[in-house]
Protein backbone atom coordinates (compact mmCIF):
# COMPACT_ATOMS: atom_id res chain seq x y z
CA UNK A 1 -10.78 92.70 76.10
CA UNK A 2 -9.23 96.04 75.28
CA UNK A 3 -7.82 96.68 78.76
CA UNK A 4 -6.35 93.19 79.33
CA UNK A 5 -2.54 93.21 79.06
CA UNK A 6 -2.43 89.56 77.96
CA UNK A 7 -5.06 90.18 75.27
CA UNK A 8 -2.83 93.05 74.11
CA UNK A 9 0.11 90.67 73.86
CA UNK A 10 -2.01 88.07 72.06
CA UNK A 11 -3.19 90.54 69.43
CA UNK A 12 0.22 92.23 69.00
CA UNK A 13 -0.61 95.61 70.57
CA UNK A 14 1.82 95.01 73.46
CA UNK A 15 5.32 93.69 72.77
CA UNK A 16 6.56 90.51 74.42
CA UNK A 17 9.35 88.00 73.98
CA UNK A 18 7.23 85.38 72.23
CA UNK A 19 8.62 81.85 72.16
CA UNK A 20 5.69 80.04 70.51
CA UNK A 21 2.31 80.86 69.05
CA UNK A 22 -0.47 79.24 67.09
CA UNK A 23 -4.10 80.01 66.32
CA UNK A 24 -5.24 79.17 69.89
CA UNK A 25 -2.32 79.97 72.20
CA UNK A 26 0.68 82.19 72.69
CA UNK A 27 3.72 81.63 74.95
CA UNK A 28 6.05 84.40 76.05
CA UNK A 29 8.78 85.03 78.61
CA UNK A 30 7.70 86.40 81.98
CA UNK A 31 8.88 89.95 82.72
CA UNK A 32 9.67 89.00 86.32
CA UNK A 33 11.06 85.46 86.08
CA UNK A 34 10.94 83.27 89.17
CA UNK A 35 13.20 80.59 87.64
CA UNK A 36 15.89 80.52 84.95
CA UNK A 37 13.11 79.61 82.51
CA UNK A 38 9.76 81.27 83.22
CA UNK A 39 7.32 81.32 80.35
CA UNK A 40 3.62 82.17 80.39
CA UNK A 41 1.23 80.27 78.14
CA UNK A 42 -2.16 81.85 77.50
CA UNK A 43 -5.20 81.19 75.35
CA UNK A 44 -5.72 83.83 72.66
CA UNK A 45 -9.37 84.12 73.69
CA UNK A 46 -10.02 86.03 76.90
CA UNK A 47 -10.86 83.82 79.87
CA UNK A 48 -10.42 85.68 83.15
CA UNK A 49 -9.45 82.69 85.30
CA UNK A 50 -9.42 78.92 85.41
CA UNK A 51 -12.51 79.21 87.63
CA UNK A 52 -14.35 80.76 84.68
CA UNK A 53 -14.04 77.58 82.64
CA UNK A 54 -16.29 74.56 82.38
CA UNK A 55 -16.31 71.35 80.36
CA UNK A 56 -17.06 73.28 77.17
CA UNK A 57 -13.58 74.83 77.49
CA UNK A 58 -11.65 71.54 77.41
CA UNK A 59 -10.35 72.30 73.91
CA UNK A 60 -8.88 75.64 74.98
CA UNK A 61 -7.48 74.20 78.20
CA UNK A 62 -5.99 71.25 76.33
CA UNK A 63 -4.39 73.57 73.78
CA UNK A 64 -2.80 75.67 76.54
CA UNK A 65 -1.36 72.59 78.25
CA UNK A 66 -0.18 71.06 74.96
CA UNK A 67 1.62 74.30 74.10
CA UNK A 68 3.24 74.35 77.56
CA UNK A 69 4.53 70.79 77.05
CA UNK A 70 5.85 71.64 73.56
CA UNK A 71 7.60 74.77 74.83
CA UNK A 72 9.12 72.86 77.76
CA UNK A 73 10.60 70.34 75.32
CA UNK A 74 11.87 73.10 73.02
CA UNK A 75 13.51 74.81 76.01
CA UNK A 76 15.25 71.54 76.98
CA UNK A 77 13.27 71.13 80.18
CA UNK A 78 11.58 67.80 79.48
CA UNK A 79 14.36 65.61 80.88
CA UNK A 80 15.43 67.51 84.01
CA UNK A 81 11.80 68.44 84.70
CA UNK A 82 9.66 71.52 85.05
CA UNK A 83 6.63 72.87 86.88
CA UNK A 84 3.32 74.08 85.48
CA UNK A 85 1.28 76.42 87.69
CA UNK A 86 -2.16 77.98 87.30
CA UNK A 87 -3.08 80.61 89.90
CA UNK A 88 -6.64 81.70 90.65
CA UNK A 89 -7.69 84.82 92.54
CA UNK A 90 -5.74 87.13 94.81
CA UNK A 91 -5.04 84.53 97.49
CA UNK A 92 -3.91 82.09 94.79
CA UNK A 93 -1.42 84.60 93.43
CA UNK A 94 -3.19 85.55 90.18
CA UNK A 95 -2.07 89.07 89.27
CA UNK A 96 -3.40 89.32 85.69
CA UNK A 97 -7.06 88.62 84.97
CA UNK A 98 -6.44 86.37 81.97
CA UNK A 99 -6.01 82.61 82.34
CA UNK A 100 -2.34 81.69 82.10
CA UNK A 101 -0.05 78.80 82.87
CA UNK A 102 3.39 79.45 84.32
CA UNK A 103 6.07 77.14 82.90
CA UNK A 104 8.99 77.15 85.34
CA UNK A 105 12.25 75.27 84.97
CA UNK A 106 15.99 75.40 84.78
CA UNK A 107 16.52 74.65 88.48
CA UNK A 108 15.20 72.15 91.04
CA UNK A 109 11.76 73.14 92.29
CA UNK A 110 11.06 72.99 96.02
CA UNK A 111 7.95 71.83 97.83
CA UNK A 112 5.79 73.27 99.20
CA UNK A 113 5.91 76.08 96.66
CA UNK A 114 4.17 78.85 98.63
């Protein structure tokens, strides 16, 4: 989608601090980090929200999660631990209408998160 900021990052029109990319996903540093490590992992294809997926999207969803796990390991977060978050809708905290996973780490995470 031409007006989607994350699609612009995925296709190179908008600059970002990219940490990992492949044919299906791209991971980049969040502009407003909420933890010492805060990376967003998105599918290259536009999906507005996790609620817009169904079982036919398991390949895309699996690729996003696999990339998040790989990036966490590359960032040295696999042993101390990290958090993966997917927000949906305004009340869920989603601020960009493109499915994305937040990878947060580098400090102990508290519970409840919100």
